[in-house]
Amino acid sequence: MSTGVRPLAPERRDEVLRRLRRIEGQVRGIQRMVAEGRDCRDIVHQIAAIRQALASANSVVLECYAQHCLNDAENCRAETINELIELFKDTC
Protein backbone atom coordinates (compact mmCIF):
# COMPACT_ATOMS: atom_id res chain seq x y z
CA MET A 1 0.00 0.00 0.00
CA SER A 2 1.27 3.47 -0.85
CA THR A 3 2.44 5.69 2.00
CA GLY A 4 2.66 9.02 0.16
CA VAL A 5 1.19 12.10 1.83
CA ARG A 6 -2.05 13.23 0.24
CA PRO A 7 -3.20 16.50 1.83
CA LEU A 8 -6.59 18.01 1.13
CA ALA A 9 -6.80 20.76 -1.46
CA PRO A 10 -6.93 24.17 0.30
CA GLU A 11 -10.60 24.82 -0.53
CA ARG A 12 -11.63 21.37 0.70
CA ARG A 13 -9.41 21.72 3.78
CA ASP A 14 -11.26 24.92 4.72
CA GLU A 15 -14.60 23.18 4.21
CA VAL A 16 -13.60 20.20 6.37
CA LEU A 17 -12.23 22.50 9.08
CA ARG A 18 -15.54 24.44 9.13
CA ARG A 19 -17.46 21.20 9.47
CA LEU A 20 -15.20 19.94 12.26
CA ARG A 21 -15.48 23.22 14.17
CA ARG A 22 -19.25 23.01 13.92
CA ILE A 23 -19.11 19.42 15.21
CA GLU A 24 -16.85 20.54 18.04
CA GLY A 25 -19.49 23.08 19.04
CA GLN A 26 -22.18 20.40 18.92
CA VAL A 27 -20.10 18.17 21.20
CA ARG A 28 -19.69 21.00 23.69
CA GLY A 29 -23.45 21.49 23.54
CA ILE A 30 -24.03 17.84 24.40
CA GLN A 31 -21.60 18.11 27.29
CA ARG A 32 -23.70 20.98 28.64
CA MET A 33 -26.87 18.97 28.15
CA VAL A 34 -25.44 16.06 30.13
CA ALA A 35 -24.15 18.37 32.88
CA GLU A 36 -27.59 20.03 33.10
CA GLY A 37 -29.37 16.69 33.35
CA ARG A 38 -31.30 17.05 30.08
CA ASP A 39 -33.56 14.32 28.75
CA CYS A 40 -31.74 11.27 27.36
CA ARG A 41 -33.80 11.35 24.17
CA ASP A 42 -32.61 14.88 23.40
CA ILE A 43 -29.02 13.82 23.98
CA VAL A 44 -29.42 10.78 21.73
CA HIS A 45 -30.82 12.98 18.97
CA GLN A 46 -27.87 15.34 19.24
CA ILE A 47 -25.38 12.47 19.19
CA ALA A 48 -27.07 11.12 16.07
CA ALA A 49 -26.72 14.55 14.46
CA ILE A 50 -23.01 14.57 15.26
CA ARG A 51 -22.54 11.09 13.83
CA GLN A 52 -24.19 12.25 10.60
CA ALA A 53 -22.06 15.38 10.51
CA LEU A 54 -18.90 13.30 10.99
CA ALA A 55 -19.99 10.92 8.24
CA SER A 56 -20.53 13.88 5.95
CA ALA A 57 -17.09 15.33 6.72
CA ASN A 58 -15.57 11.89 6.22
CA SER A 59 -17.25 11.64 2.81
CA VAL A 60 -15.63 14.90 1.71
CA VAL A 61 -12.19 13.65 2.79
CA LEU A 62 -12.70 10.24 1.17
CA GLU A 63 -13.85 11.87 -2.06
CA CYS A 64 -10.74 14.03 -2.18
CA TYR A 65 -8.52 11.06 -1.41
CA ALA A 66 -10.15 8.94 -4.11
CA GLN A 67 -9.81 11.71 -6.71
CA HIS A 68 -6.17 12.20 -5.81
CA CYS A 69 -5.43 8.47 -6.01
CA LEU A 70 -7.16 8.00 -9.33
CA ASN A 71 -5.25 10.94 -10.81
CA ASP A 72 -1.89 9.63 -9.55
CA ALA A 73 -0.10 8.42 -12.68
CA GLU A 74 2.88 7.18 -10.65
CA ASN A 75 0.95 4.42 -8.87
CA CYS A 76 -0.15 1.24 -10.56
CA ARG A 77 -3.93 1.28 -11.11
CA ALA A 78 -4.48 -2.08 -9.35
CA GLU A 79 -2.52 -0.87 -6.30
CA THR A 80 -4.50 2.37 -6.23
CA ILE A 81 -7.83 0.55 -6.46
CA ASN A 82 -6.84 -1.89 -3.69
CA GLU A 83 -5.74 1.01 -1.50
CA LEU A 84 -9.04 2.80 -2.01
CA ILE A 85 -11.05 -0.34 -1.29
CA GLU A 86 -9.19 -0.90 1.98
CA LEU A 87 -9.70 2.72 3.01
CA PHE A 88 -13.43 2.56 2.28
CA LYS A 89 -13.74 -0.73 4.20
CA ASP A 90 -12.06 0.85 7.22
CA THR A 91 -14.54 3.70 7.30
CA CYS A 92 -17.71 1.60 7.08
PDB file of N, CA and C in Angstrom:
ATOM      1  N   MET A   1       0.853  -1.177   0.000  1.00  0.00           N
ATOM      2  CA  MET A   1       0.000   0.000   0.000  1.00  0.00           C
ATOM      3  C   MET A   1       0.895   1.236   0.000  1.00  0.00           C
ATOM      4  N   SER A   2       0.507   2.237  -0.731  1.00  0.00           N
ATOM      5  CA  SER A   2       1.274   3.474  -0.853  1.00  0.00           C
ATOM      6  C   SER A   2       1.252   4.250   0.455  1.00  0.00           C
ATOM      7  N   THR A   3       2.375   4.925   0.755  1.00  0.00           N
ATOM      8  CA  THR A   3       2.444   5.688   1.998  1.00  0.00           C
ATOM      9  C   THR A   3       2.626   7.174   1.736  1.00  0.00           C
ATOM     10  N   GLY A   4       2.471   7.617   0.495  1.00  0.00           N
ATOM     11  CA  GLY A   4       2.657   9.021   0.164  1.00  0.00           C
ATOM     12  C   GLY A   4       1.647   9.916   0.864  1.00  0.00           C
ATOM     13  N   VAL A   5       2.072  11.125   1.174  1.00  0.00           N
ATOM     14  CA  VAL A   5       1.191  12.096   1.828  1.00  0.00           C
ATOM     15  C   VAL A   5       0.240  12.663   0.781  1.00  0.00           C
ATOM     16  N   ARG A   6      -1.030  12.721   1.142  1.00  0.00           N
ATOM     17  CA  ARG A   6      -2.052  13.235   0.235  1.00  0.00           C
ATOM     18  C   ARG A   6      -2.900  14.263   0.980  1.00  0.00           C
ATOM     19  N   PRO A   7      -2.424  15.488   1.094  1.00  0.00           N
ATOM     20  CA  PRO A   7      -3.201  16.504   1.825  1.00  0.00           C
ATOM     21  C   PRO A   7      -4.437  16.939   1.037  1.00  0.00           C
ATOM     22  N   LEU A   8      -5.395  17.464   1.764  1.00  0.00           N
ATOM     23  CA  LEU A   8      -6.588  18.008   1.129  1.00  0.00           C
ATOM     24  C   LEU A   8      -6.228  19.272   0.354  1.00  0.00           C
ATOM     25  N   ALA A   9      -6.950  19.504  -0.723  1.00  0.00           N
ATOM     26  CA  ALA A   9      -6.797  20.762  -1.456  1.00  0.00           C
ATOM     27  C   ALA A   9      -7.237  21.889  -0.524  1.00  0.00           C
ATOM     28  N   PRO A  10      -6.629  23.067  -0.634  1.00  0.00           N
ATOM     29  CA  PRO A  10      -6.934  24.169   0.298  1.00  0.00           C
ATOM     30  C   PRO A  10      -8.427  24.479   0.446  1.00  0.00           C
ATOM     31  N   GLU A  11      -9.170  24.493  -0.639  1.00  0.00           N
ATOM     32  CA  GLU A  11     -10.597  24.822  -0.528  1.00  0.00           C
ATOM     33  C   GLU A  11     -11.364  23.720   0.194  1.00  0.00           C
ATOM     34  N   ARG A  12     -10.971  22.472   0.005  1.00  0.00           N
ATOM     35  CA  ARG A  12     -11.625  21.365   0.702  1.00  0.00           C
ATOM     36  C   ARG A  12     -11.187  21.334   2.168  1.00  0.00           C
ATOM     37  N   ARG A  13      -9.924  21.679   2.406  1.00  0.00           N
ATOM     38  CA  ARG A  13      -9.410  21.724   3.778  1.00  0.00           C
ATOM     39  C   ARG A  13     -10.228  22.723   4.596  1.00  0.00           C
ATOM     40  N   ASP A  14     -10.470  23.894   4.026  1.00  0.00           N
ATOM     41  CA  ASP A  14     -11.258  24.916   4.723  1.00  0.00           C
ATOM     42  C   ASP A  14     -12.677  24.421   5.002  1.00  0.00           C
ATOM     43  N   GLU A  15     -13.256  23.727   4.035  1.00  0.00           N
ATOM     44  CA  GLU A  15     -14.604  23.181   4.208  1.00  0.00           C
ATOM     45  C   GLU A  15     -14.629  22.142   5.329  1.00  0.00           C
ATOM     46  N   VAL A  16     -13.654  21.246   5.338  1.00  0.00           N
ATOM     47  CA  VAL A  16     -13.599  20.204   6.375  1.00  0.00           C
ATOM     48  C   VAL A  16     -13.360  20.840   7.743  1.00  0.00           C
ATOM     49  N   LEU A  17     -12.472  21.821   7.804  1.00  0.00           N
ATOM     50  CA  LEU A  17     -12.231  22.504   9.083  1.00  0.00           C
ATOM     51  C   LEU A  17     -13.493  23.182   9.597  1.00  0.00           C
ATOM     52  N   ARG A  18     -14.275  23.818   8.718  1.00  0.00           N
ATOM     53  CA  ARG A  18     -15.540  24.444   9.130  1.00  0.00           C
ATOM     54  C   ARG A  18     -16.493  23.394   9.702  1.00  0.00           C
ATOM     55  N   ARG A  19     -16.582  22.274   9.007  1.00  0.00           N
ATOM     56  CA  ARG A  19     -17.464  21.204   9.470  1.00  0.00           C
ATOM     57  C   ARG A  19     -17.024  20.679  10.833  1.00  0.00           C
ATOM     58  N   LEU A  20     -15.716  20.472  10.995  1.00  0.00           N
ATOM     59  CA  LEU A  20     -15.199  19.945  12.257  1.00  0.00           C
ATOM     60  C   LEU A  20     -15.382  20.932  13.403  1.00  0.00           C
ATOM     61  N   ARG A  21     -15.245  22.206  13.118  1.00  0.00           N
ATOM     62  CA  ARG A  21     -15.477  23.215  14.166  1.00  0.00           C
ATOM     63  C   ARG A  21     -16.945  23.239  14.588  1.00  0.00           C
ATOM     64  N   ARG A  22     -17.824  23.068  13.612  1.00  0.00           N
ATOM     65  CA  ARG A  22     -19.255  23.009  13.924  1.00  0.00           C
ATOM     66  C   ARG A  22     -19.546  21.777  14.784  1.00  0.00           C
ATOM     67  N   ILE A  23     -18.939  20.649  14.433  1.00  0.00           N
ATOM     68  CA  ILE A  23     -19.111  19.416  15.208  1.00  0.00           C
ATOM     69  C   ILE A  23     -18.568  19.603  16.623  1.00  0.00           C
ATOM     70  N   GLU A  24     -17.438  20.264  16.730  1.00  0.00           N
ATOM     71  CA  GLU A  24     -16.850  20.537  18.044  1.00  0.00           C
ATOM     72  C   GLU A  24     -17.833  21.328  18.911  1.00  0.00           C
ATOM     73  N   GLY A  25     -18.494  22.309  18.315  1.00  0.00           N
ATOM     74  CA  GLY A  25     -19.493  23.079  19.039  1.00  0.00           C
ATOM     75  C   GLY A  25     -20.674  22.220  19.460  1.00  0.00           C
ATOM     76  N   GLN A  26     -21.077  21.305  18.578  1.00  0.00           N
ATOM     77  CA  GLN A  26     -22.179  20.402  18.916  1.00  0.00           C
ATOM     78  C   GLN A  26     -21.792  19.498  20.092  1.00  0.00           C
ATOM     79  N   VAL A  27     -20.552  19.022  20.096  1.00  0.00           N
ATOM     80  CA  VAL A  27     -20.095  18.167  21.198  1.00  0.00           C
ATOM     81  C   VAL A  27     -20.107  18.943  22.512  1.00  0.00           C
ATOM     82  N   ARG A  28     -19.643  20.168  22.473  1.00  0.00           N
ATOM     83  CA  ARG A  28     -19.694  21.000  23.689  1.00  0.00           C
ATOM     84  C   ARG A  28     -21.134  21.188  24.150  1.00  0.00           C
ATOM     85  N   GLY A  29     -22.034  21.356  23.201  1.00  0.00           N
ATOM     86  CA  GLY A  29     -23.451  21.494  23.543  1.00  0.00           C
ATOM     87  C   GLY A  29     -23.988  20.249  24.230  1.00  0.00           C
ATOM     88  N   ILE A  30     -23.589  19.086  23.763  1.00  0.00           N
ATOM     89  CA  ILE A  30     -24.027  17.837  24.396  1.00  0.00           C
ATOM     90  C   ILE A  30     -23.439  17.716  25.799  1.00  0.00           C
ATOM     91  N   GLN A  31     -22.196  18.131  25.955  1.00  0.00           N
ATOM     92  CA  GLN A  31     -21.600  18.110  27.292  1.00  0.00           C
ATOM     93  C   GLN A  31     -22.423  18.953  28.261  1.00  0.00           C
ATOM     94  N   ARG A  32     -22.851  20.128  27.803  1.00  0.00           N
ATOM     95  CA  ARG A  32     -23.700  20.984  28.645  1.00  0.00           C
ATOM     96  C   ARG A  32     -25.027  20.299  28.953  1.00  0.00           C
ATOM     97  N   MET A  33     -25.602  19.657  27.942  1.00  0.00           N
ATOM     98  CA  MET A  33     -26.875  18.967  28.146  1.00  0.00           C
ATOM     99  C   MET A  33     -26.738  17.889  29.213  1.00  0.00           C
ATOM    100  N   VAL A  34     -25.664  17.122  29.146  1.00  0.00           N
ATOM    101  CA  VAL A  34     -25.440  16.064  30.133  1.00  0.00           C
ATOM    102  C   VAL A  34     -25.248  16.682  31.512  1.00  0.00           C
ATOM    103  N   ALA A  35     -24.421  17.712  31.592  1.00  0.00           N
ATOM    104  CA  ALA A  35     -24.150  18.373  32.884  1.00  0.00           C
ATOM    105  C   ALA A  35     -25.434  18.955  33.486  1.00  0.00           C
ATOM    106  N   GLU A  36     -26.338  19.435  32.641  1.00  0.00           N
ATOM    107  CA  GLU A  36     -27.591  20.032  33.104  1.00  0.00           C
ATOM    108  C   GLU A  36     -28.678  18.995  33.386  1.00  0.00           C
ATOM    109  N   GLY A  37     -28.391  17.738  33.093  1.00  0.00           N
ATOM    110  CA  GLY A  37     -29.374  16.691  33.349  1.00  0.00           C
ATOM    111  C   GLY A  37     -30.519  16.672  32.357  1.00  0.00           C
ATOM    112  N   ARG A  38     -30.247  17.025  31.113  1.00  0.00           N
ATOM    113  CA  ARG A  38     -31.299  17.051  30.083  1.00  0.00           C
ATOM    114  C   ARG A  38     -31.787  15.638  29.764  1.00  0.00           C
ATOM    115  N   ASP A  39     -32.919  15.581  29.114  1.00  0.00           N
ATOM    116  CA  ASP A  39     -33.560  14.325  28.747  1.00  0.00           C
ATOM    117  C   ASP A  39     -32.662  13.488  27.846  1.00  0.00           C
ATOM    118  N   CYS A  40     -32.588  12.190  28.140  1.00  0.00           N
ATOM    119  CA  CYS A  40     -31.739  11.271  27.363  1.00  0.00           C
ATOM    120  C   CYS A  40     -32.108  11.265  25.881  1.00  0.00           C
ATOM    121  N   ARG A  41     -33.379  11.356  25.577  1.00  0.00           N
ATOM    122  CA  ARG A  41     -33.802  11.353  24.167  1.00  0.00           C
ATOM    123  C   ARG A  41     -33.208  12.529  23.416  1.00  0.00           C
ATOM    124  N   ASP A  42     -33.189  13.698  24.043  1.00  0.00           N
ATOM    125  CA  ASP A  42     -32.609  14.878  23.400  1.00  0.00           C
ATOM    126  C   ASP A  42     -31.119  14.682  23.148  1.00  0.00           C
ATOM    127  N   ILE A  43     -30.453  14.068  24.131  1.00  0.00           N
ATOM    128  CA  ILE A  43     -29.016  13.822  23.984  1.00  0.00           C
ATOM    129  C   ILE A  43     -28.764  12.826  22.852  1.00  0.00           C
ATOM    130  N   VAL A  44     -29.568  11.776  22.800  1.00  0.00           N
ATOM    131  CA  VAL A  44     -29.419  10.775  21.731  1.00  0.00           C
ATOM    132  C   VAL A  44     -29.614  11.416  20.365  1.00  0.00           C
ATOM    133  N   HIS A  45     -30.588  12.295  20.245  1.00  0.00           N
ATOM    134  CA  HIS A  45     -30.821  12.984  18.970  1.00  0.00           C
ATOM    135  C   HIS A  45     -29.617  13.831  18.571  1.00  0.00           C
ATOM    136  N   GLN A  46     -29.037  14.501  19.539  1.00  0.00           N
ATOM    137  CA  GLN A  46     -27.873  15.342  19.242  1.00  0.00           C
ATOM    138  C   GLN A  46     -26.658  14.496  18.864  1.00  0.00           C
ATOM    139  N   ILE A  47     -26.485  13.373  19.540  1.00  0.00           N
ATOM    140  CA  ILE A  47     -25.378  12.473  19.189  1.00  0.00           C
ATOM    141  C   ILE A  47     -25.568  11.932  17.781  1.00  0.00           C
ATOM    142  N   ALA A  48     -26.794  11.598  17.433  1.00  0.00           N
ATOM    143  CA  ALA A  48     -27.074  11.119  16.072  1.00  0.00           C
ATOM    144  C   ALA A  48     -26.744  12.200  15.046  1.00  0.00           C
ATOM    145  N   ALA A  49     -27.037  13.444  15.368  1.00  0.00           N
ATOM    146  CA  ALA A  49     -26.720  14.547  14.457  1.00  0.00           C
ATOM    147  C   ALA A  49     -25.210  14.680  14.274  1.00  0.00           C
ATOM    148  N   ILE A  50     -24.468  14.493  15.348  1.00  0.00           N
ATOM    149  CA  ILE A  50     -23.009  14.571  15.262  1.00  0.00           C
ATOM    150  C   ILE A  50     -22.462  13.418  14.427  1.00  0.00           C
ATOM    151  N   ARG A  51     -23.003  12.243  14.630  1.00  0.00           N
ATOM    152  CA  ARG A  51     -22.544  11.090  13.829  1.00  0.00           C
ATOM    153  C   ARG A  51     -22.766  11.360  12.338  1.00  0.00           C
ATOM    154  N   GLN A  52     -23.907  11.930  12.001  1.00  0.00           N
ATOM    155  CA  GLN A  52     -24.192  12.247  10.598  1.00  0.00           C
ATOM    156  C   GLN A  52     -23.243  13.322  10.082  1.00  0.00           C
ATOM    157  N   ALA A  53     -22.980  14.320  10.910  1.00  0.00           N
ATOM    158  CA  ALA A  53     -22.057  15.382  10.508  1.00  0.00           C
ATOM    159  C   ALA A  53     -20.647  14.839  10.301  1.00  0.00           C
ATOM    160  N   LEU A  54     -20.212  13.927  11.163  1.00  0.00           N
ATOM    161  CA  LEU A  54     -18.898  13.300  10.987  1.00  0.00           C
ATOM    162  C   LEU A  54     -18.858  12.450   9.717  1.00  0.00           C
ATOM    163  N   ALA A  55     -19.929  11.720   9.461  1.00  0.00           N
ATOM    164  CA  ALA A  55     -19.989  10.917   8.238  1.00  0.00           C
ATOM    165  C   ALA A  55     -19.910  11.803   7.004  1.00  0.00           C
ATOM    166  N   SER A  56     -20.563  12.945   7.065  1.00  0.00           N
ATOM    167  CA  SER A  56     -20.528  13.882   5.950  1.00  0.00           C
ATOM    168  C   SER A  56     -19.123  14.448   5.741  1.00  0.00           C
ATOM    169  N   ALA A  57     -18.460  14.825   6.825  1.00  0.00           N
ATOM    170  CA  ALA A  57     -17.086  15.329   6.721  1.00  0.00           C
ATOM    171  C   ALA A  57     -16.168  14.232   6.200  1.00  0.00           C
ATOM    172  N   ASN A  58     -16.373  13.020   6.673  1.00  0.00           N
ATOM    173  CA  ASN A  58     -15.572  11.892   6.216  1.00  0.00           C
ATOM    174  C   ASN A  58     -15.760  11.658   4.717  1.00  0.00           C
ATOM    175  N   SER A  59     -16.971  11.820   4.236  1.00  0.00           N
ATOM    176  CA  SER A  59     -17.248  11.643   2.807  1.00  0.00           C
ATOM    177  C   SER A  59     -16.470  12.643   1.958  1.00  0.00           C
ATOM    178  N   VAL A  60     -16.385  13.870   2.432  1.00  0.00           N
ATOM    179  CA  VAL A  60     -15.627  14.895   1.707  1.00  0.00           C
ATOM    180  C   VAL A  60     -14.156  14.491   1.628  1.00  0.00           C
ATOM    181  N   VAL A  61     -13.604  14.042   2.757  1.00  0.00           N
ATOM    182  CA  VAL A  61     -12.192  13.649   2.787  1.00  0.00           C
ATOM    183  C   VAL A  61     -11.964  12.424   1.907  1.00  0.00           C
ATOM    184  N   LEU A  62     -12.839  11.433   2.008  1.00  0.00           N
ATOM    185  CA  LEU A  62     -12.700  10.237   1.172  1.00  0.00           C
ATOM    186  C   LEU A  62     -12.790  10.570  -0.307  1.00  0.00           C
ATOM    187  N   GLU A  63     -13.704  11.458  -0.659  1.00  0.00           N
ATOM    188  CA  GLU A  63     -13.852  11.866  -2.056  1.00  0.00           C
ATOM    189  C   GLU A  63     -12.556  12.496  -2.572  1.00  0.00           C
ATOM    190  N   CYS A  64     -11.995  13.386  -1.780  1.00  0.00           N
ATOM    191  CA  CYS A  64     -10.736  14.031  -2.178  1.00  0.00           C
ATOM    192  C   CYS A  64      -9.626  13.010  -2.315  1.00  0.00           C
ATOM    193  N   TYR A  65      -9.556  12.096  -1.380  1.00  0.00           N
ATOM    194  CA  TYR A  65      -8.524  11.061  -1.407  1.00  0.00           C
ATOM    195  C   TYR A  65      -8.672  10.201  -2.658  1.00  0.00           C
ATOM    196  N   ALA A  66      -9.900   9.782  -2.940  1.00  0.00           N
ATOM    197  CA  ALA A  66     -10.149   8.940  -4.114  1.00  0.00           C
ATOM    198  C   ALA A  66      -9.778   9.675  -5.397  1.00  0.00           C
ATOM    199  N   GLN A  67     -10.153  10.936  -5.510  1.00  0.00           N
ATOM    200  CA  GLN A  67      -9.813  11.705  -6.705  1.00  0.00           C
ATOM    201  C   GLN A  67      -8.311  11.828  -6.863  1.00  0.00           C
ATOM    202  N   HIS A  68      -7.618  12.072  -5.754  1.00  0.00           N
ATOM    203  CA  HIS A  68      -6.168  12.203  -5.808  1.00  0.00           C
ATOM    204  C   HIS A  68      -5.534  10.878  -6.252  1.00  0.00           C
ATOM    205  N   CYS A  69      -5.993   9.779  -5.670  1.00  0.00           N
ATOM    206  CA  CYS A  69      -5.429   8.473  -6.007  1.00  0.00           C
ATOM    207  C   CYS A  69      -5.654   8.118  -7.465  1.00  0.00           C
ATOM    208  N   LEU A  70      -6.845   8.378  -7.947  1.00  0.00           N
ATOM    209  CA  LEU A  70      -7.159   8.005  -9.327  1.00  0.00           C
ATOM    210  C   LEU A  70      -6.434   8.882 -10.337  1.00  0.00           C
ATOM    211  N   ASN A  71      -6.003  10.056  -9.913  1.00  0.00           N
ATOM    212  CA  ASN A  71      -5.255  10.940 -10.806  1.00  0.00           C
ATOM    213  C   ASN A  71      -3.749  10.784 -10.658  1.00  0.00           C
ATOM    214  N   ASP A  72      -3.314   9.837  -9.810  1.00  0.00           N
ATOM    215  CA  ASP A  72      -1.894   9.630  -9.545  1.00  0.00           C
ATOM    216  C   ASP A  72      -1.317   8.677 -10.590  1.00  0.00           C
ATOM    217  N   ALA A  73      -0.653   9.222 -11.583  1.00  0.00           N
ATOM    218  CA  ALA A  73      -0.104   8.418 -12.676  1.00  0.00           C
ATOM    219  C   ALA A  73       1.086   7.575 -12.231  1.00  0.00           C
ATOM    220  N   GLU A  74       1.701   7.914 -11.102  1.00  0.00           N
ATOM    221  CA  GLU A  74       2.880   7.179 -10.649  1.00  0.00           C
ATOM    222  C   GLU A  74       2.530   5.821 -10.048  1.00  0.00           C
ATOM    223  N   ASN A  75       1.346   5.690  -9.490  1.00  0.00           N
ATOM    224  CA  ASN A  75       0.947   4.424  -8.874  1.00  0.00           C
ATOM    225  C   ASN A  75       0.272   3.526  -9.887  1.00  0.00           C
ATOM    226  N   CYS A  76       0.511   2.255  -9.741  1.00  0.00           N
ATOM    227  CA  CYS A  76      -0.154   1.245 -10.561  1.00  0.00           C
ATOM    228  C   CYS A  76      -1.646   1.293 -10.262  1.00  0.00           C
ATOM    229  N   ARG A  77      -2.476   1.179 -11.287  1.00  0.00           N
ATOM    230  CA  ARG A  77      -3.931   1.285 -11.109  1.00  0.00           C
ATOM    231  C   ARG A  77      -4.472   0.225 -10.147  1.00  0.00           C
ATOM    232  N   ALA A  78      -4.000  -1.012 -10.233  1.00  0.00           N
ATOM    233  CA  ALA A  78      -4.475  -2.081  -9.351  1.00  0.00           C
ATOM    234  C   ALA A  78      -4.134  -1.750  -7.898  1.00  0.00           C
ATOM    235  N   GLU A  79      -2.931  -1.241  -7.656  1.00  0.00           N
ATOM    236  CA  GLU A  79      -2.517  -0.868  -6.300  1.00  0.00           C
ATOM    237  C   GLU A  79      -3.407   0.261  -5.775  1.00  0.00           C
ATOM    238  N   THR A  80      -3.668   1.232  -6.615  1.00  0.00           N
ATOM    239  CA  THR A  80      -4.502   2.365  -6.231  1.00  0.00           C
ATOM    240  C   THR A  80      -5.913   1.906  -5.886  1.00  0.00           C
ATOM    241  N   ILE A  81      -6.475   1.053  -6.699  1.00  0.00           N
ATOM    242  CA  ILE A  81      -7.828   0.552  -6.457  1.00  0.00           C
ATOM    243  C   ILE A  81      -7.874  -0.246  -5.161  1.00  0.00           C
ATOM    244  N   ASN A  82      -6.882  -1.106  -4.935  1.00  0.00           N
ATOM    245  CA  ASN A  82      -6.839  -1.886  -3.692  1.00  0.00           C
ATOM    246  C   ASN A  82      -6.711  -0.971  -2.477  1.00  0.00           C
ATOM    247  N   GLU A  83      -5.907   0.060  -2.591  1.00  0.00           N
ATOM    248  CA  GLU A  83      -5.737   1.014  -1.497  1.00  0.00           C
ATOM    249  C   GLU A  83      -7.061   1.714  -1.183  1.00  0.00           C
ATOM    250  N   LEU A  84      -7.749   2.134  -2.214  1.00  0.00           N
ATOM    251  CA  LEU A  84      -9.039   2.805  -2.013  1.00  0.00           C
ATOM    252  C   LEU A  84     -10.066   1.866  -1.392  1.00  0.00           C
ATOM    253  N   ILE A  85     -10.103   0.630  -1.847  1.00  0.00           N
ATOM    254  CA  ILE A  85     -11.045  -0.344  -1.293  1.00  0.00           C
ATOM    255  C   ILE A  85     -10.788  -0.549   0.193  1.00  0.00           C
ATOM    256  N   GLU A  86      -9.528  -0.708   0.567  1.00  0.00           N
ATOM    257  CA  GLU A  86      -9.192  -0.896   1.980  1.00  0.00           C
ATOM    258  C   GLU A  86      -9.592   0.321   2.808  1.00  0.00           C
ATOM    259  N   LEU A  87      -9.351   1.506   2.282  1.00  0.00           N
ATOM    260  CA  LEU A  87      -9.702   2.716   3.009  1.00  0.00           C
ATOM    261  C   LEU A  87     -11.220   2.802   3.204  1.00  0.00           C
ATOM    262  N   PHE A  88     -11.980   2.511   2.158  1.00  0.00           N
ATOM    263  CA  PHE A  88     -13.431   2.560   2.277  1.00  0.00           C
ATOM    264  C   PHE A  88     -13.936   1.514   3.243  1.00  0.00           C
ATOM    265  N   LYS A  89     -13.342   0.327   3.253  1.00  0.00           N
ATOM    266  CA  LYS A  89     -13.739  -0.731   4.195  1.00  0.00           C
ATOM    267  C   LYS A  89     -13.517  -0.271   5.634  1.00  0.00           C
ATOM    268  N   ASP A  90     -12.395   0.389   5.874  1.00  0.00           N
ATOM    269  CA  ASP A  90     -12.058   0.848   7.219  1.00  0.00           C
ATOM    270  C   ASP A  90     -13.019   1.907   7.744  1.00  0.00           C
ATOM    271  N   THR A  91     -13.666   2.624   6.853  1.00  0.00           N
ATOM    272  CA  THR A  91     -14.541   3.702   7.297  1.00  0.00           C
ATOM    273  C   THR A  91     -16.008   3.280   7.418  1.00  0.00           C
ATOM    274  N   CYS A  92     -16.307   2.071   7.004  1.00  0.00           N
ATOM    275  CA  CYS A  92     -17.706   1.599   7.085  1.00  0.00           C
ATOM    276  C   CYS A  92     -17.991   0.910   8.382  1.00  0.00           C
TER     277      CYS A  92
END
